[in-house]
Amino acid sequence: MSKQLVIAALGEDRPGLVDQISGWILESGCNIADSRMMVLGGEFSVLLLVSGNWNNLAKLEDQLGQAQKKLGMVLTIKRTETRTPGGEYLPYAVDVVALDHPGIVHNLANFFSRRSINIQDLSTTSYAAAHTGTQMFAVHMTLDVPADTHIASLREEFLDVCDQLNLDAVIEPVKG
């Protein structure tokens, strides 16, 4: 039976890190089931969901110190269980674009938290607007909206809050 663990890694960005990390996992007899990797500033950050049998996962855990030295990264490993859905949820996507300013992510997270809506995935990016160079901020979220939520009311409240915060936003069902 396959078990899972989460690996978080952070270290100075350089070529070959994905090759080294994925090689370490493969050599241990495990598989990368899900991942997020990106460069943030000058650092390379990695989140992995790794699956394998219990003894292969134990190999990864035992090699933690050695892998940290070899990769030049800070590694954290945590065992986890397969997530079992708890209740009826509707997947919704949120996209927001605005002039960059502090508090955008917090305000959005607070809005959904107060309504018991779970954020499954969140990514942000800052960029310069094409013609003006104005610093912009974009947010993309995937949400688990409880099935008993009145969607029209949620959408209206969300768009009202976004108007108050001067955020251009869309909330729509995840397609596919």
N, C-alpha and C. Protein backbone atom coordinates (compact mmCIF):
# COMPACT_ATOMS: atom_id res chain seq x y z
N MET A 1 0.85 -1.19 0.00
CA MET A 1 0.00 0.00 0.00
C MET A 1 0.88 1.24 0.00
N SER A 2 0.57 2.18 -0.85
CA SER A 2 1.36 3.40 -1.00
C SER A 2 1.07 4.39 0.13
N LYS A 3 2.13 4.95 0.68
CA LYS A 3 2.05 5.98 1.72
C LYS A 3 2.56 7.28 1.11
N GLN A 4 2.41 8.39 1.83
CA GLN A 4 2.81 9.69 1.30
C GLN A 4 3.57 10.50 2.33
N LEU A 5 4.43 11.37 1.80
CA LEU A 5 5.05 12.39 2.62
C LEU A 5 5.21 13.66 1.80
N VAL A 6 5.30 14.76 2.50
CA VAL A 6 5.50 16.06 1.89
C VAL A 6 6.93 16.48 2.14
N ILE A 7 7.59 16.96 1.10
CA ILE A 7 8.96 17.48 1.22
C ILE A 7 8.92 18.95 0.84
N ALA A 8 9.43 19.81 1.70
CA ALA A 8 9.61 21.23 1.41
C ALA A 8 11.11 21.49 1.36
N ALA A 9 11.55 22.19 0.31
CA ALA A 9 12.98 22.47 0.15
C ALA A 9 13.16 23.93 -0.24
N LEU A 10 14.21 24.53 0.29
CA LEU A 10 14.51 25.93 -0.01
C LEU A 10 16.02 26.11 -0.04
N GLY A 11 16.51 26.72 -1.11
CA GLY A 11 17.94 26.97 -1.22
C GLY A 11 18.25 27.90 -2.37
N GLU A 12 19.49 28.32 -2.42
CA GLU A 12 19.93 29.23 -3.47
C GLU A 12 19.71 28.60 -4.84
N ASP A 13 19.13 29.37 -5.75
CA ASP A 13 18.81 28.86 -7.08
C ASP A 13 20.09 28.60 -7.88
N ARG A 14 20.08 27.47 -8.58
CA ARG A 14 21.17 27.13 -9.49
C ARG A 14 20.70 26.02 -10.41
N PRO A 15 21.30 25.90 -11.58
CA PRO A 15 20.91 24.83 -12.50
C PRO A 15 21.16 23.45 -11.89
N GLY A 16 20.29 22.51 -12.21
CA GLY A 16 20.48 21.12 -11.80
C GLY A 16 19.76 20.71 -10.53
N LEU A 17 19.12 21.63 -9.82
CA LEU A 17 18.47 21.26 -8.56
C LEU A 17 17.30 20.29 -8.77
N VAL A 18 16.47 20.53 -9.77
CA VAL A 18 15.35 19.64 -10.03
C VAL A 18 15.86 18.24 -10.37
N ASP A 19 16.92 18.18 -11.17
CA ASP A 19 17.53 16.90 -11.52
C ASP A 19 18.01 16.17 -10.26
N GLN A 20 18.69 16.89 -9.38
CA GLN A 20 19.22 16.26 -8.16
C GLN A 20 18.10 15.81 -7.22
N ILE A 21 17.09 16.65 -7.01
CA ILE A 21 16.00 16.31 -6.10
C ILE A 21 15.21 15.12 -6.64
N SER A 22 14.85 15.19 -7.92
CA SER A 22 14.06 14.09 -8.50
C SER A 22 14.87 12.80 -8.55
N GLY A 23 16.18 12.88 -8.76
CA GLY A 23 17.05 11.71 -8.74
C GLY A 23 17.10 11.06 -7.37
N TRP A 24 17.21 11.89 -6.33
CA TRP A 24 17.23 11.40 -4.95
C TRP A 24 15.94 10.63 -4.64
N ILE A 25 14.82 11.19 -5.06
CA ILE A 25 13.52 10.55 -4.80
C ILE A 25 13.40 9.23 -5.59
N LEU A 26 13.81 9.25 -6.85
CA LEU A 26 13.74 8.05 -7.68
C LEU A 26 14.65 6.94 -7.13
N GLU A 27 15.89 7.31 -6.75
CA GLU A 27 16.83 6.32 -6.22
C GLU A 27 16.34 5.69 -4.92
N SER A 28 15.48 6.41 -4.21
CA SER A 28 14.91 5.86 -2.96
C SER A 28 13.73 4.95 -3.24
N GLY A 29 13.33 4.84 -4.51
CA GLY A 29 12.20 3.98 -4.86
C GLY A 29 10.85 4.65 -4.71
N CYS A 30 10.85 5.98 -4.65
CA CYS A 30 9.60 6.72 -4.46
C CYS A 30 9.22 7.45 -5.75
N ASN A 31 8.04 8.05 -5.72
CA ASN A 31 7.49 8.72 -6.88
C ASN A 31 6.99 10.11 -6.49
N ILE A 32 7.21 11.09 -7.35
CA ILE A 32 6.67 12.44 -7.13
C ILE A 32 5.23 12.41 -7.64
N ALA A 33 4.27 12.55 -6.72
CA ALA A 33 2.85 12.51 -7.07
C ALA A 33 2.32 13.90 -7.42
N ASP A 34 2.85 14.93 -6.79
CA ASP A 34 2.41 16.30 -7.04
C ASP A 34 3.56 17.22 -6.65
N SER A 35 3.67 18.37 -7.32
CA SER A 35 4.78 19.26 -7.00
C SER A 35 4.48 20.70 -7.37
N ARG A 36 5.16 21.59 -6.69
CA ARG A 36 5.20 23.02 -7.01
C ARG A 36 6.65 23.44 -6.83
N MET A 37 7.22 24.05 -7.84
CA MET A 37 8.60 24.51 -7.77
C MET A 37 8.68 25.88 -8.42
N MET A 38 9.45 26.77 -7.80
CA MET A 38 9.60 28.11 -8.38
C MET A 38 10.78 28.85 -7.78
N VAL A 39 11.24 29.82 -8.52
CA VAL A 39 12.28 30.72 -8.05
C VAL A 39 11.58 31.93 -7.43
N LEU A 40 11.95 32.24 -6.20
CA LEU A 40 11.44 33.41 -5.49
C LEU A 40 12.65 34.23 -5.08
N GLY A 41 12.80 35.41 -5.68
CA GLY A 41 14.02 36.17 -5.48
C GLY A 41 15.18 35.35 -6.02
N GLY A 42 16.20 35.13 -5.23
CA GLY A 42 17.32 34.30 -5.64
C GLY A 42 17.25 32.89 -5.07
N GLU A 43 16.11 32.52 -4.49
CA GLU A 43 15.96 31.22 -3.86
C GLU A 43 15.06 30.32 -4.70
N PHE A 44 15.37 29.03 -4.69
CA PHE A 44 14.56 28.03 -5.37
C PHE A 44 13.74 27.32 -4.31
N SER A 45 12.42 27.30 -4.47
CA SER A 45 11.55 26.67 -3.48
C SER A 45 10.81 25.50 -4.11
N VAL A 46 10.66 24.45 -3.32
CA VAL A 46 10.07 23.21 -3.81
C VAL A 46 9.09 22.68 -2.76
N LEU A 47 7.92 22.27 -3.22
CA LEU A 47 6.97 21.50 -2.41
C LEU A 47 6.63 20.25 -3.20
N LEU A 48 6.81 19.10 -2.59
CA LEU A 48 6.56 17.84 -3.26
C LEU A 48 5.66 16.95 -2.42
N LEU A 49 4.76 16.25 -3.09
CA LEU A 49 4.03 15.16 -2.47
C LEU A 49 4.64 13.90 -3.06
N VAL A 50 5.25 13.10 -2.21
CA VAL A 50 5.98 11.90 -2.64
C VAL A 50 5.24 10.68 -2.14
N SER A 51 5.11 9.68 -3.01
CA SER A 51 4.44 8.44 -2.61
C SER A 51 5.41 7.27 -2.74
N GLY A 52 5.16 6.23 -1.95
CA GLY A 52 5.98 5.03 -1.98
C GLY A 52 5.58 4.10 -0.86
N ASN A 53 6.20 2.94 -0.80
CA ASN A 53 5.89 2.05 0.32
C ASN A 53 6.63 2.57 1.56
N TRP A 54 6.25 2.06 2.72
CA TRP A 54 6.74 2.64 3.97
C TRP A 54 8.26 2.58 4.08
N ASN A 55 8.90 1.49 3.60
CA ASN A 55 10.36 1.40 3.77
C ASN A 55 11.10 2.34 2.83
N ASN A 56 10.56 2.61 1.64
CA ASN A 56 11.21 3.57 0.74
C ASN A 56 11.06 5.00 1.25
N LEU A 57 9.91 5.31 1.83
CA LEU A 57 9.74 6.63 2.44
C LEU A 57 10.67 6.79 3.64
N ALA A 58 10.86 5.71 4.40
CA ALA A 58 11.79 5.74 5.54
C ALA A 58 13.21 6.01 5.05
N LYS A 59 13.57 5.46 3.87
CA LYS A 59 14.90 5.73 3.28
C LYS A 59 15.09 7.23 3.05
N LEU A 60 14.05 7.86 2.46
CA LEU A 60 14.13 9.31 2.23
C LEU A 60 14.32 10.06 3.55
N GLU A 61 13.55 9.68 4.55
CA GLU A 61 13.65 10.35 5.85
C GLU A 61 15.04 10.16 6.46
N ASP A 62 15.59 8.97 6.33
CA ASP A 62 16.92 8.70 6.89
C ASP A 62 18.02 9.47 6.16
N GLN A 63 17.81 9.78 4.90
CA GLN A 63 18.82 10.48 4.10
C GLN A 63 18.68 12.00 4.16
N LEU A 64 17.80 12.51 5.00
CA LEU A 64 17.51 13.94 5.05
C LEU A 64 18.77 14.80 5.25
N GLY A 65 19.56 14.50 6.26
CA GLY A 65 20.76 15.29 6.53
C GLY A 65 21.75 15.25 5.38
N GLN A 66 21.97 14.08 4.84
CA GLN A 66 22.89 13.90 3.71
C GLN A 66 22.37 14.66 2.48
N ALA A 67 21.08 14.60 2.22
CA ALA A 67 20.49 15.29 1.07
C ALA A 67 20.60 16.80 1.22
N GLN A 68 20.42 17.31 2.44
CA GLN A 68 20.54 18.76 2.67
C GLN A 68 21.94 19.24 2.31
N LYS A 69 22.95 18.48 2.72
CA LYS A 69 24.33 18.86 2.42
C LYS A 69 24.60 18.79 0.92
N LYS A 70 24.19 17.71 0.31
CA LYS A 70 24.44 17.50 -1.12
C LYS A 70 23.73 18.56 -1.98
N LEU A 71 22.48 18.88 -1.63
CA LEU A 71 21.69 19.84 -2.40
C LEU A 71 21.98 21.29 -2.01
N GLY A 72 22.52 21.51 -0.83
CA GLY A 72 22.72 22.88 -0.35
C GLY A 72 21.39 23.56 -0.08
N MET A 73 20.43 22.78 0.38
CA MET A 73 19.08 23.29 0.63
C MET A 73 18.64 22.91 2.04
N VAL A 74 17.70 23.67 2.57
CA VAL A 74 17.04 23.32 3.81
C VAL A 74 15.85 22.44 3.44
N LEU A 75 15.77 21.25 4.01
CA LEU A 75 14.70 20.30 3.70
C LEU A 75 13.87 20.00 4.94
N THR A 76 12.59 19.89 4.74
CA THR A 76 11.67 19.47 5.78
C THR A 76 10.81 18.36 5.20
N ILE A 77 10.63 17.29 5.97
CA ILE A 77 9.82 16.16 5.53
C ILE A 77 8.74 15.91 6.57
N LYS A 78 7.53 15.66 6.09
CA LYS A 78 6.41 15.36 6.99
C LYS A 78 5.54 14.29 6.36
N ARG A 79 5.26 13.23 7.11
CA ARG A 79 4.35 12.18 6.64
C ARG A 79 2.94 12.75 6.57
N THR A 80 2.17 12.26 5.60
CA THR A 80 0.79 12.70 5.45
C THR A 80 -0.06 11.54 4.96
N GLU A 81 -1.34 11.71 5.04
CA GLU A 81 -2.29 10.71 4.57
C GLU A 81 -3.01 11.25 3.34
N THR A 82 -3.54 10.35 2.54
CA THR A 82 -4.34 10.76 1.40
C THR A 82 -5.54 11.52 1.93
N ARG A 83 -5.82 12.65 1.33
CA ARG A 83 -6.92 13.49 1.78
C ARG A 83 -8.24 12.88 1.36
N THR A 84 -9.10 12.69 2.33
CA THR A 84 -10.43 12.19 2.02
C THR A 84 -11.39 13.36 2.02
N PRO A 85 -12.16 13.49 0.95
CA PRO A 85 -13.10 14.61 0.87
C PRO A 85 -14.08 14.56 2.03
N GLY A 86 -14.26 15.69 2.66
CA GLY A 86 -15.20 15.79 3.79
C GLY A 86 -16.35 16.69 3.42
N GLY A 87 -17.37 16.14 2.83
CA GLY A 87 -18.53 16.94 2.49
C GLY A 87 -18.61 17.22 1.00
N GLU A 88 -19.61 17.97 0.66
CA GLU A 88 -19.87 18.32 -0.74
C GLU A 88 -19.31 19.72 -1.02
N TYR A 89 -18.42 19.80 -2.00
CA TYR A 89 -17.81 21.07 -2.35
C TYR A 89 -17.88 21.31 -3.85
N LEU A 90 -17.93 22.57 -4.21
CA LEU A 90 -17.89 22.97 -5.60
C LEU A 90 -16.56 23.67 -5.85
N PRO A 91 -15.82 23.25 -6.87
CA PRO A 91 -14.54 23.93 -7.15
C PRO A 91 -14.77 25.24 -7.91
N TYR A 92 -14.25 26.31 -7.36
CA TYR A 92 -14.35 27.63 -8.00
C TYR A 92 -12.96 28.22 -8.16
N ALA A 93 -12.80 29.03 -9.21
CA ALA A 93 -11.53 29.73 -9.47
C ALA A 93 -11.76 31.22 -9.28
N VAL A 94 -10.76 31.87 -8.71
CA VAL A 94 -10.79 33.31 -8.52
C VAL A 94 -9.54 33.89 -9.17
N ASP A 95 -9.73 34.94 -9.96
CA ASP A 95 -8.61 35.67 -10.55
C ASP A 95 -8.78 37.14 -10.20
N VAL A 96 -7.71 37.73 -9.70
CA VAL A 96 -7.72 39.13 -9.28
C VAL A 96 -6.51 39.83 -9.87
N VAL A 97 -6.72 41.06 -10.35
CA VAL A 97 -5.62 41.90 -10.83
C VAL A 97 -5.83 43.28 -10.21
N ALA A 98 -4.74 43.90 -9.76
CA ALA A 98 -4.84 45.22 -9.14
C ALA A 98 -3.49 45.91 -9.16
N LEU A 99 -3.51 47.20 -8.86
CA LEU A 99 -2.25 47.89 -8.59
C LEU A 99 -1.66 47.23 -7.36
N ASP A 100 -0.37 46.99 -7.37
CA ASP A 100 0.26 46.30 -6.25
C ASP A 100 0.24 47.17 -5.00
N HIS A 101 -0.26 46.59 -3.92
CA HIS A 101 -0.23 47.25 -2.62
C HIS A 101 -0.37 46.19 -1.53
N PRO A 102 0.11 46.48 -0.31
CA PRO A 102 0.05 45.51 0.78
C PRO A 102 -1.39 45.14 1.14
N GLY A 103 -1.59 43.88 1.53
CA GLY A 103 -2.87 43.45 2.08
C GLY A 103 -3.81 42.74 1.11
N ILE A 104 -3.46 42.64 -0.16
CA ILE A 104 -4.38 42.03 -1.13
C ILE A 104 -4.65 40.58 -0.75
N VAL A 105 -3.61 39.78 -0.57
CA VAL A 105 -3.79 38.36 -0.24
C VAL A 105 -4.54 38.21 1.08
N HIS A 106 -4.17 38.99 2.08
CA HIS A 106 -4.84 38.90 3.38
C HIS A 106 -6.33 39.21 3.26
N ASN A 107 -6.67 40.26 2.55
CA ASN A 107 -8.08 40.63 2.41
C ASN A 107 -8.88 39.54 1.70
N LEU A 108 -8.31 38.96 0.66
CA LEU A 108 -9.00 37.87 -0.05
C LEU A 108 -9.13 36.64 0.84
N ALA A 109 -8.05 36.26 1.51
CA ALA A 109 -8.09 35.08 2.39
C ALA A 109 -9.09 35.29 3.52
N ASN A 110 -9.14 36.48 4.07
CA ASN A 110 -10.07 36.78 5.15
C ASN A 110 -11.51 36.67 4.67
N PHE A 111 -11.80 37.18 3.48
CA PHE A 111 -13.14 37.10 2.92
C PHE A 111 -13.60 35.64 2.86
N PHE A 112 -12.77 34.77 2.30
CA PHE A 112 -13.17 33.37 2.14
C PHE A 112 -13.15 32.62 3.47
N SER A 113 -12.21 32.91 4.34
CA SER A 113 -12.14 32.25 5.64
C SER A 113 -13.40 32.51 6.45
N ARG A 114 -13.88 33.74 6.47
CA ARG A 114 -15.08 34.08 7.23
C ARG A 114 -16.31 33.34 6.72
N ARG A 115 -16.25 32.79 5.53
CA ARG A 115 -17.37 32.05 4.95
C ARG A 115 -17.10 30.54 4.91
N SER A 116 -16.09 30.10 5.63
CA SER A 116 -15.70 28.67 5.70
C SER A 116 -15.43 28.08 4.32
N ILE A 117 -14.82 28.89 3.46
CA ILE A 117 -14.43 28.43 2.12
C ILE A 117 -12.93 28.18 2.15
N ASN A 118 -12.54 26.96 1.81
CA ASN A 118 -11.14 26.56 1.85
C ASN A 118 -10.42 26.95 0.56
N ILE A 119 -9.23 27.51 0.71
CA ILE A 119 -8.38 27.83 -0.44
C ILE A 119 -7.51 26.60 -0.70
N GLN A 120 -7.71 25.95 -1.84
CA GLN A 120 -6.95 24.76 -2.22
C GLN A 120 -5.59 25.12 -2.81
N ASP A 121 -5.57 26.19 -3.57
CA ASP A 121 -4.35 26.57 -4.29
C ASP A 121 -4.36 28.08 -4.43
N LEU A 122 -3.21 28.70 -4.24
CA LEU A 122 -3.11 30.16 -4.37
C LEU A 122 -1.75 30.48 -4.97
N SER A 123 -1.75 31.29 -6.01
CA SER A 123 -0.49 31.77 -6.57
C SER A 123 -0.62 33.25 -6.87
N THR A 124 0.47 33.96 -6.70
CA THR A 124 0.50 35.40 -6.95
C THR A 124 1.72 35.75 -7.79
N THR A 125 1.63 36.88 -8.44
CA THR A 125 2.79 37.38 -9.17
C THR A 125 2.70 38.91 -9.24
N SER A 126 3.85 39.53 -9.20
CA SER A 126 3.97 40.98 -9.41
C SER A 126 4.61 41.19 -10.77
N TYR A 127 4.15 42.21 -11.47
CA TYR A 127 4.71 42.48 -12.79
C TYR A 127 4.50 43.95 -13.14
N ALA A 128 5.25 44.43 -14.11
CA ALA A 128 5.10 45.80 -14.59
C ALA A 128 4.10 45.81 -15.74
N ALA A 129 3.12 46.72 -15.69
CA ALA A 129 2.12 46.83 -16.74
C ALA A 129 2.81 47.15 -18.07
N ALA A 130 2.28 46.62 -19.14
CA ALA A 130 2.92 46.67 -20.46
C ALA A 130 3.32 48.07 -20.92
N HIS A 131 2.40 48.99 -20.96
CA HIS A 131 2.72 50.30 -21.56
C HIS A 131 3.15 51.36 -20.55
N THR A 132 2.70 51.22 -19.30
CA THR A 132 2.99 52.26 -18.32
C THR A 132 4.11 51.90 -17.36
N GLY A 133 4.38 50.61 -17.20
CA GLY A 133 5.38 50.18 -16.23
C GLY A 133 4.87 50.17 -14.80
N THR A 134 3.58 50.47 -14.60
CA THR A 134 2.99 50.48 -13.27
C THR A 134 3.08 49.09 -12.64
N GLN A 135 3.44 49.04 -11.36
CA GLN A 135 3.57 47.76 -10.68
C GLN A 135 2.19 47.17 -10.41
N MET A 136 1.95 45.97 -10.97
CA MET A 136 0.66 45.29 -10.85
C MET A 136 0.84 44.02 -10.01
N PHE A 137 -0.29 43.48 -9.56
CA PHE A 137 -0.30 42.28 -8.74
C PHE A 137 -1.45 41.40 -9.21
N ALA A 138 -1.17 40.12 -9.45
CA ALA A 138 -2.21 39.18 -9.88
C ALA A 138 -2.28 38.01 -8.90
N VAL A 139 -3.50 37.56 -8.66
CA VAL A 139 -3.75 36.44 -7.75
C VAL A 139 -4.61 35.43 -8.49
N HIS A 140 -4.27 34.15 -8.35
CA HIS A 140 -5.14 33.08 -8.83
C HIS A 140 -5.36 32.11 -7.69
N MET A 141 -6.63 31.77 -7.44
CA MET A 141 -6.97 30.83 -6.36
C MET A 141 -7.92 29.77 -6.89
N THR A 142 -7.80 28.59 -6.31
CA THR A 142 -8.81 27.55 -6.51
C THR A 142 -9.43 27.31 -5.14
N LEU A 143 -10.74 27.33 -5.08
CA LEU A 143 -11.48 27.25 -3.83
C LEU A 143 -12.33 26.00 -3.76
N ASP A 144 -12.60 25.53 -2.53
CA ASP A 144 -13.62 24.53 -2.25
C ASP A 144 -14.79 25.27 -1.61
N VAL A 145 -15.84 25.50 -2.39
CA VAL A 145 -17.01 26.22 -1.89
C VAL A 145 -18.03 25.18 -1.42
N PRO A 146 -18.46 25.25 -0.16
CA PRO A 146 -19.48 24.31 0.31
C PRO A 146 -20.70 24.32 -0.63
N ALA A 147 -21.21 23.13 -0.93
CA ALA A 147 -22.30 22.99 -1.91
C ALA A 147 -23.57 23.73 -1.49
N ASP A 148 -23.76 23.95 -0.19
CA ASP A 148 -24.97 24.65 0.25
C ASP A 148 -24.83 26.17 0.19
N THR A 149 -23.71 26.66 -0.31
CA THR A 149 -23.50 28.11 -0.44
C THR A 149 -24.34 28.67 -1.58
N HIS A 150 -25.02 29.78 -1.33
CA HIS A 150 -25.79 30.45 -2.37
C HIS A 150 -24.79 31.23 -3.24
N ILE A 151 -24.49 30.68 -4.41
CA ILE A 151 -23.41 31.19 -5.26
C ILE A 151 -23.65 32.63 -5.71
N ALA A 152 -24.86 32.97 -6.07
CA ALA A 152 -25.14 34.34 -6.52
C ALA A 152 -24.83 35.35 -5.42
N SER A 153 -25.20 35.02 -4.18
CA SER A 153 -24.91 35.91 -3.05
C SER A 153 -23.41 36.00 -2.80
N LEU A 154 -22.73 34.85 -2.85
CA LEU A 154 -21.28 34.83 -2.67
C LEU A 154 -20.61 35.71 -3.72
N ARG A 155 -20.96 35.53 -4.97
CA ARG A 155 -20.38 36.31 -6.06
C ARG A 155 -20.62 37.80 -5.84
N GLU A 156 -21.85 38.16 -5.48
CA GLU A 156 -22.18 39.57 -5.28
C GLU A 156 -21.38 40.18 -4.13
N GLU A 157 -21.30 39.47 -2.99
CA GLU A 157 -20.52 39.95 -1.85
C GLU A 157 -19.05 40.07 -2.20
N PHE A 158 -18.53 39.07 -2.90
CA PHE A 158 -17.11 39.07 -3.28
C PHE A 158 -16.80 40.25 -4.19
N LEU A 159 -17.61 40.44 -5.20
CA LEU A 159 -17.35 41.54 -6.14
C LEU A 159 -17.53 42.90 -5.47
N ASP A 160 -18.45 43.02 -4.50
CA ASP A 160 -18.60 44.27 -3.75
C ASP A 160 -17.33 44.57 -2.94
N VAL A 161 -16.80 43.55 -2.26
CA VAL A 161 -15.56 43.73 -1.49
C VAL A 161 -14.42 44.11 -2.42
N CYS A 162 -14.34 43.45 -3.57
CA CYS A 162 -13.27 43.77 -4.52
C CYS A 162 -13.40 45.20 -5.04
N ASP A 163 -14.62 45.65 -5.28
CA ASP A 163 -14.83 47.05 -5.71
C ASP A 163 -14.35 48.01 -4.62
N GLN A 164 -14.67 47.71 -3.36
CA GLN A 164 -14.24 48.56 -2.24
C GLN A 164 -12.72 48.62 -2.14
N LEU A 165 -12.05 47.50 -2.47
CA LEU A 165 -10.59 47.42 -2.37
C LEU A 165 -9.89 47.80 -3.68
N ASN A 166 -10.66 48.18 -4.68
CA ASN A 166 -10.14 48.54 -6.00
C ASN A 166 -9.39 47.37 -6.66
N LEU A 167 -10.03 46.19 -6.59
CA LEU A 167 -9.48 44.99 -7.20
C LEU A 167 -10.37 44.58 -8.36
N ASP A 168 -9.77 44.25 -9.49
CA ASP A 168 -10.52 43.72 -10.63
C ASP A 168 -10.55 42.21 -10.46
N ALA A 169 -11.75 41.62 -10.33
CA ALA A 169 -11.83 40.20 -9.97
C ALA A 169 -12.91 39.45 -10.75
N VAL A 170 -12.67 38.13 -10.84
CA VAL A 170 -13.61 37.20 -11.45
C VAL A 170 -13.68 35.97 -10.54
N ILE A 171 -14.89 35.46 -10.32
CA ILE A 171 -15.07 34.19 -9.61
C ILE A 171 -15.99 33.34 -10.48
N GLU A 172 -15.50 32.12 -10.81
CA GLU A 172 -16.28 31.27 -11.70
C GLU A 172 -15.98 29.80 -11.40
N PRO A 173 -16.90 28.91 -11.80
CA PRO A 173 -16.65 27.49 -11.57
C PRO A 173 -15.42 27.01 -12.32
N VAL A 174 -14.72 26.06 -11.72
CA VAL A 174 -13.58 25.44 -12.41
C VAL A 174 -14.14 24.57 -13.50
N LYS A 175 -13.61 24.71 -14.68
CA LYS A 175 -14.09 23.93 -15.82
C LYS A 175 -13.17 22.74 -16.03
N GLY A 176 -13.80 21.59 -16.27
CA GLY A 176 -13.02 20.40 -16.62
C GLY A 176 -12.59 19.59 -15.52
